[in-house]
Amino acid sequence: MIPALALVVGVVLGLVLEPTVPAALQPYLPIAVVAALDAVFGAVRAQLEKIFDDRVFVVSFVSNVLVAGLVVFLGDQLGVGGQLSTGVVVVLGIRIFSNAAAIRRHVFHA
């Protein structure tokens, strides 16, 4: 219940405060969001499988965002940021859909 309430509060604060992202960080925001979603879907799957650990979730969340951002940053420095961004999104997307399928199988027993 607390995570759902925190999500609602965060969304409401975002809508009310309308935060802006500095131009230098804008290329990294979509990657960070996808990395965070990967961690969240993994946590939901772990919770349904009754193996959820809050420390693992926090470490996974932070490390996913940092590593994905670092890969895109290095790609930008090498001049191939777009390609590495696409690669990160594809890899994390596969993980998200894999977790979503596991969640679906667990919830609907199918």
C-alpha atoms as a PDB file:
ATOM      1  CA  MET A   1       0.000   0.000   0.000  1.00  0.00           C
ATOM      2  CA  ILE A   2       2.829   2.404   0.828  1.00  0.00           C
ATOM      3  CA  PRO A   3       4.516   2.040  -2.601  1.00  0.00           C
ATOM      4  CA  ALA A   4       1.209   2.691  -4.379  1.00  0.00           C
ATOM      5  CA  LEU A   5       0.584   5.753  -2.217  1.00  0.00           C
ATOM      6  CA  ALA A   6       4.132   6.992  -2.864  1.00  0.00           C
ATOM      7  CA  LEU A   7       3.585   6.560  -6.607  1.00  0.00           C
ATOM      8  CA  VAL A   8       0.361   8.580  -6.492  1.00  0.00           C
ATOM      9  CA  VAL A   9       2.009  11.327  -4.409  1.00  0.00           C
ATOM     10  CA  GLY A  10       4.963  11.432  -6.823  1.00  0.00           C
ATOM     11  CA  VAL A  11       2.721  11.718  -9.873  1.00  0.00           C
ATOM     12  CA  VAL A  12       0.630  14.462  -8.254  1.00  0.00           C
ATOM     13  CA  LEU A  13       3.757  16.391  -7.213  1.00  0.00           C
ATOM     14  CA  GLY A  14       5.135  16.072 -10.740  1.00  0.00           C
ATOM     15  CA  LEU A  15       1.924  17.419 -12.237  1.00  0.00           C
ATOM     16  CA  VAL A  16       1.640  20.279  -9.754  1.00  0.00           C
ATOM     17  CA  LEU A  17       5.293  21.371  -9.640  1.00  0.00           C
ATOM     18  CA  GLU A  18       5.999  20.741 -13.340  1.00  0.00           C
ATOM     19  CA  PRO A  19       9.738  20.168 -12.873  1.00  0.00           C
ATOM     20  CA  THR A  20      12.067  20.906 -15.770  1.00  0.00           C
ATOM     21  CA  VAL A  21      15.007  18.778 -16.792  1.00  0.00           C
ATOM     22  CA  PRO A  22      18.210  20.629 -17.706  1.00  0.00           C
ATOM     23  CA  ALA A  23      18.986  20.399 -21.426  1.00  0.00           C
ATOM     24  CA  ALA A  24      22.243  18.547 -20.750  1.00  0.00           C
ATOM     25  CA  LEU A  25      20.372  15.747 -18.959  1.00  0.00           C
ATOM     26  CA  GLN A  26      17.437  15.403 -21.363  1.00  0.00           C
ATOM     27  CA  PRO A  27      19.006  12.617 -23.474  1.00  0.00           C
ATOM     28  CA  TYR A  28      19.437  10.505 -20.332  1.00  0.00           C
ATOM     29  CA  LEU A  29      15.920  10.861 -18.894  1.00  0.00           C
ATOM     30  CA  PRO A  30      14.179   8.316 -21.177  1.00  0.00           C
ATOM     31  CA  ILE A  31      16.955   5.799 -20.540  1.00  0.00           C
ATOM     32  CA  ALA A  32      16.699   6.354 -16.786  1.00  0.00           C
ATOM     33  CA  VAL A  33      12.921   5.866 -16.899  1.00  0.00           C
ATOM     34  CA  VAL A  34      13.223   2.603 -18.840  1.00  0.00           C
ATOM     35  CA  ALA A  35      15.931   1.369 -16.447  1.00  0.00           C
ATOM     36  CA  ALA A  36      13.735   2.261 -13.465  1.00  0.00           C
ATOM     37  CA  LEU A  37      10.761   0.463 -15.029  1.00  0.00           C
ATOM     38  CA  ASP A  38      12.909  -2.631 -15.436  1.00  0.00           C
ATOM     39  CA  ALA A  39      13.682  -2.581 -11.718  1.00  0.00           C
ATOM     40  CA  VAL A  40      10.028  -2.021 -10.801  1.00  0.00           C
ATOM     41  CA  PHE A  41       8.760  -4.873 -12.992  1.00  0.00           C
ATOM     42  CA  GLY A  42      11.465  -7.112 -11.530  1.00  0.00           C
ATOM     43  CA  ALA A  43      10.327  -6.158  -8.026  1.00  0.00           C
ATOM     44  CA  VAL A  44       6.690  -6.919  -8.813  1.00  0.00           C
ATOM     45  CA  ARG A  45       7.704 -10.301 -10.203  1.00  0.00           C
ATOM     46  CA  ALA A  46       9.830 -11.025  -7.128  1.00  0.00           C
ATOM     47  CA  GLN A  47       6.952 -10.025  -4.845  1.00  0.00           C
ATOM     48  CA  LEU A  48       4.582 -12.394  -6.630  1.00  0.00           C
ATOM     49  CA  GLU A  49       7.170 -15.172  -6.366  1.00  0.00           C
ATOM     50  CA  LYS A  50       7.592 -14.298  -2.671  1.00  0.00           C
ATOM     51  CA  ILE A  51      11.336 -13.672  -3.014  1.00  0.00           C
ATOM     52  CA  PHE A  52      11.247  -9.864  -2.848  1.00  0.00           C
ATOM     53  CA  ASP A  53      14.051  -8.191  -0.916  1.00  0.00           C
ATOM     54  CA  ASP A  54      13.940  -4.429  -0.443  1.00  0.00           C
ATOM     55  CA  ARG A  55      17.734  -4.096  -0.469  1.00  0.00           C
ATOM     56  CA  VAL A  56      17.982  -5.958  -3.751  1.00  0.00           C
ATOM     57  CA  PHE A  57      15.285  -3.695  -5.194  1.00  0.00           C
ATOM     58  CA  VAL A  58      17.020  -0.479  -4.137  1.00  0.00           C
ATOM     59  CA  VAL A  59      20.407  -1.655  -5.399  1.00  0.00           C
ATOM     60  CA  SER A  60      18.852  -2.879  -8.656  1.00  0.00           C
ATOM     61  CA  PHE A  61      16.938   0.372  -9.145  1.00  0.00           C
ATOM     62  CA  VAL A  62      19.930   2.641  -8.547  1.00  0.00           C
ATOM     63  CA  SER A  63      22.443   0.497 -10.413  1.00  0.00           C
ATOM     64  CA  ASN A  64      20.149   0.052 -13.446  1.00  0.00           C
ATOM     65  CA  VAL A  65      19.691   3.805 -13.753  1.00  0.00           C
ATOM     66  CA  LEU A  66      23.376   4.578 -13.222  1.00  0.00           C
ATOM     67  CA  VAL A  67      24.712   1.901 -15.567  1.00  0.00           C
ATOM     68  CA  ALA A  68      22.223   2.759 -18.314  1.00  0.00           C
ATOM     69  CA  GLY A  69      23.062   6.457 -17.972  1.00  0.00           C
ATOM     70  CA  LEU A  70      26.779   5.699 -18.001  1.00  0.00           C
ATOM     71  CA  VAL A  71      26.496   3.613 -21.162  1.00  0.00           C
ATOM     72  CA  VAL A  72      24.614   6.394 -22.939  1.00  0.00           C
ATOM     73  CA  PHE A  73      27.079   8.999 -21.655  1.00  0.00           C
ATOM     74  CA  LEU A  74      30.018   6.972 -22.944  1.00  0.00           C
ATOM     75  CA  GLY A  75      28.206   6.562 -26.249  1.00  0.00           C
ATOM     76  CA  ASP A  76      27.764  10.323 -26.470  1.00  0.00           C
ATOM     77  CA  GLN A  77      31.465  10.816 -25.791  1.00  0.00           C
ATOM     78  CA  LEU A  78      32.326   8.330 -28.529  1.00  0.00           C
ATOM     79  CA  GLY A  79      29.820   9.842 -30.956  1.00  0.00           C
ATOM     80  CA  VAL A  80      27.513   6.821 -31.008  1.00  0.00           C
ATOM     81  CA  GLY A  81      25.067   7.861 -28.290  1.00  0.00           C
ATOM     82  CA  GLY A  82      21.987   7.177 -30.387  1.00  0.00           C
ATOM     83  CA  GLN A  83      23.018   3.628 -31.169  1.00  0.00           C
ATOM     84  CA  LEU A  84      23.904   2.835 -27.560  1.00  0.00           C
ATOM     85  CA  SER A  85      20.651   4.421 -26.356  1.00  0.00           C
ATOM     86  CA  THR A  86      18.768   2.126 -28.710  1.00  0.00           C
ATOM     87  CA  GLY A  87      20.746  -0.861 -27.464  1.00  0.00           C
ATOM     88  CA  VAL A  88      20.020  -0.043 -23.826  1.00  0.00           C
ATOM     89  CA  VAL A  89      16.303   0.395 -24.535  1.00  0.00           C
ATOM     90  CA  VAL A  90      16.171  -2.910 -26.452  1.00  0.00           C
ATOM     91  CA  VAL A  91      17.931  -4.870 -23.700  1.00  0.00           C
ATOM     92  CA  LEU A  92      15.883  -3.331 -20.897  1.00  0.00           C
ATOM     93  CA  GLY A  93      12.715  -3.663 -22.987  1.00  0.00           C
ATOM     94  CA  ILE A  94      13.325  -7.384 -23.375  1.00  0.00           C
ATOM     95  CA  ARG A  95      13.764  -7.677 -19.601  1.00  0.00           C
ATOM     96  CA  ILE A  96      10.600  -5.645 -18.944  1.00  0.00           C
ATOM     97  CA  PHE A  97       8.510  -7.799 -21.299  1.00  0.00           C
ATOM     98  CA  SER A  98      10.007 -10.968 -19.817  1.00  0.00           C
ATOM     99  CA  ASN A  99       9.031  -9.828 -16.326  1.00  0.00           C
ATOM    100  CA  ALA A 100       5.597  -8.722 -17.558  1.00  0.00           C
ATOM    101  CA  ALA A 101       5.046 -12.177 -19.077  1.00  0.00           C
ATOM    102  CA  ALA A 102       6.060 -13.840 -15.803  1.00  0.00           C
ATOM    103  CA  ILE A 103       3.690 -11.541 -13.892  1.00  0.00           C
ATOM    104  CA  ARG A 104       0.878 -12.345 -16.328  1.00  0.00           C
ATOM    105  CA  ARG A 105       1.518 -16.093 -15.980  1.00  0.00           C
ATOM    106  CA  HIS A 106       1.493 -15.815 -12.196  1.00  0.00           C
ATOM    107  CA  VAL A 107      -1.637 -13.668 -11.975  1.00  0.00           C
ATOM    108  CA  PHE A 108      -3.712 -15.468 -14.627  1.00  0.00           C
ATOM    109  CA  HIS A 109      -2.145 -18.925 -14.262  1.00  0.00           C
ATOM    110  CA  ALA A 110      -1.682 -19.044 -18.014  1.00  0.00           C
END
